Amino acid sequence: MSQGNAVKGDRVMRKILPSLILILLVISGCAWSSQSYYVGLTPQSGEEAMAYYKSGRDFAQQGMHRDAIDQFRKAVLLDPFFSEAYLSLSRSYYAIDSQDFALFYNIKYYEAEVARQYVYGYELVVY
């Protein structure tokens, strides 16, 4: 091999190697962290979180979306994987023309729902 090809190959390895290391770290981190990420994930929300959710749902049905948002946020503070509450937050924020928060909570809904389906393998039931 000529010295020019060796130098060229060395440059390519310098560019590729950090990317390969990063990919391996991400893959190993995902495999390791998936166990701790799902600790505490329950198939049903606690009674207190459910009470806040139902209260928020009642406010939303009456068109009182700001009050509903307060209740839904309390529900997700108690249960960070309460996907139905995230979806309701998204809908209430959309109703008050806050599209940024609506999109944010819609994404949180999908994250929580995917986590629940991954761990427990059940479908979402919206009340």
Protein backbone atom coordinates (compact mmCIF):
# COMPACT_ATOMS: atom_id res chain seq x y z
CA MET A 1 0.00 0.00 0.00
CA SER A 2 1.35 3.42 -0.82
CA GLN A 3 1.87 6.06 1.79
CA GLY A 4 -0.88 8.23 0.23
CA ASN A 5 -3.49 5.49 0.62
CA ALA A 6 -2.39 4.86 4.20
CA VAL A 7 -2.79 8.54 5.06
CA LYS A 8 -6.17 8.63 3.35
CA GLY A 9 -7.30 5.52 5.24
CA ASP A 10 -6.05 7.04 8.48
CA ARG A 11 -8.14 10.20 7.88
CA VAL A 12 -11.23 8.12 7.16
CA MET A 13 -10.74 6.16 10.40
CA ARG A 14 -10.35 9.41 12.36
CA LYS A 15 -13.74 10.54 11.02
CA ILE A 16 -15.54 7.22 11.41
CA LEU A 17 -14.13 6.01 14.74
CA PRO A 18 -15.73 8.71 16.95
CA SER A 19 -19.09 8.05 15.31
CA LEU A 20 -18.77 4.30 15.86
CA ILE A 21 -17.82 4.81 19.49
CA LEU A 22 -20.78 7.15 19.99
CA ILE A 23 -23.19 4.67 18.42
CA LEU A 24 -21.87 1.85 20.61
CA LEU A 25 -22.18 4.01 23.74
CA VAL A 26 -25.75 4.98 22.86
CA ILE A 27 -26.74 1.38 22.16
CA SER A 28 -25.17 0.08 25.34
CA GLY A 29 -26.67 2.96 27.34
CA CYS A 30 -30.15 2.26 25.99
CA ALA A 31 -29.87 -1.41 26.82
CA TRP A 32 -28.63 -0.66 30.33
CA SER A 33 -31.01 2.20 31.12
CA SER A 34 -34.18 0.51 29.86
CA GLN A 35 -34.36 -1.49 33.07
CA SER A 36 -34.18 1.54 35.36
CA TYR A 37 -36.40 3.67 33.10
CA TYR A 38 -39.41 1.42 33.61
CA VAL A 39 -39.05 0.96 37.36
CA GLY A 40 -42.22 2.15 39.04
CA LEU A 41 -44.29 2.02 35.86
CA THR A 42 -47.69 0.70 36.84
CA PRO A 43 -50.46 -0.51 34.57
CA GLN A 44 -52.99 1.77 36.28
CA SER A 45 -52.66 5.21 37.80
CA GLY A 46 -53.04 5.74 41.51
CA GLU A 47 -56.33 6.83 43.01
CA GLU A 48 -55.18 10.38 43.74
CA ALA A 49 -53.84 10.90 40.21
CA MET A 50 -57.05 9.44 38.79
CA ALA A 51 -59.12 11.82 40.95
CA TYR A 52 -57.22 14.82 39.55
CA TYR A 53 -57.64 13.45 36.04
CA LYS A 54 -61.41 13.01 36.44
CA SER A 55 -61.73 16.48 37.93
CA GLY A 56 -59.79 17.93 35.00
CA ARG A 57 -61.94 16.01 32.55
CA ASP A 58 -65.08 17.48 34.16
CA PHE A 59 -63.64 21.00 33.87
CA ALA A 60 -62.72 20.39 30.23
CA GLN A 61 -66.23 19.17 29.41
CA GLN A 62 -67.58 22.45 30.81
CA GLY A 63 -65.14 24.44 28.67
CA MET A 64 -63.05 25.51 31.69
CA HIS A 65 -59.76 24.47 30.12
CA ARG A 66 -57.43 26.50 32.33
CA ASP A 67 -58.85 24.82 35.44
CA ALA A 68 -58.66 21.48 33.63
CA ILE A 69 -54.98 22.07 32.86
CA ASP A 70 -54.25 22.61 36.57
CA GLN A 71 -55.91 19.30 37.43
CA PHE A 72 -54.25 17.34 34.63
CA ARG A 73 -50.82 18.71 35.59
CA LYS A 74 -51.35 17.55 39.18
CA ALA A 75 -52.23 14.10 37.84
CA VAL A 76 -49.04 13.81 35.80
CA LEU A 77 -46.94 15.09 38.70
CA LEU A 78 -48.24 12.18 40.76
CA ASP A 79 -47.91 9.67 37.91
CA PRO A 80 -45.40 10.67 35.20
CA PHE A 81 -46.57 7.76 33.00
CA PHE A 82 -50.28 8.72 33.09
CA SER A 83 -50.67 8.90 29.32
CA GLU A 84 -54.37 9.79 29.33
CA ALA A 85 -53.64 12.89 31.41
CA TYR A 86 -50.95 13.99 28.94
CA LEU A 87 -53.39 13.61 26.07
CA SER A 88 -56.01 15.63 27.94
CA LEU A 89 -53.42 18.30 28.69
CA SER A 90 -52.66 18.47 24.99
CA ARG A 91 -56.33 18.87 24.11
CA SER A 92 -56.93 21.56 26.74
CA TYR A 93 -53.88 23.56 25.68
CA TYR A 94 -55.05 23.31 22.08
CA ALA A 95 -58.48 24.58 23.15
CA ILE A 96 -56.91 27.74 24.61
CA ASP A 97 -54.76 28.28 21.48
CA SER A 98 -51.47 27.26 23.03
CA GLN A 99 -50.19 25.05 20.24
CA ASP A 100 -46.63 24.76 21.59
CA PHE A 101 -47.79 23.22 24.86
CA ALA A 102 -50.38 21.16 23.01
CA LEU A 103 -47.66 19.65 20.84
CA PHE A 104 -45.35 19.11 23.83
CA TYR A 105 -47.97 17.21 25.82
CA ASN A 106 -49.04 15.26 22.76
CA ILE A 107 -45.45 14.03 22.45
CA LYS A 108 -45.39 13.22 26.19
CA TYR A 109 -48.60 11.22 25.69
CA TYR A 110 -46.99 9.08 22.99
CA GLU A 111 -43.84 8.57 25.06
CA ALA A 112 -45.83 7.41 28.09
CA GLU A 113 -48.12 5.23 26.00
CA VAL A 114 -45.28 3.54 24.17
CA ALA A 115 -43.56 2.85 27.48
CA ARG A 116 -46.73 1.31 28.92
CA GLN A 117 -47.38 -0.83 25.85
CA TYR A 118 -43.76 -1.95 25.80
CA VAL A 119 -43.81 -3.04 29.43
CA TYR A 120 -47.35 -4.31 29.85
CA GLY A 121 -48.55 -4.98 26.29
CA TYR A 122 -52.02 -3.51 26.69
CA GLU A 123 -54.04 -1.00 24.71
CA LEU A 124 -55.01 2.47 25.91
CA VAL A 125 -58.56 2.96 27.13
CA VAL A 126 -59.65 6.62 27.15
CA TYR A 127 -62.46 7.38 29.56
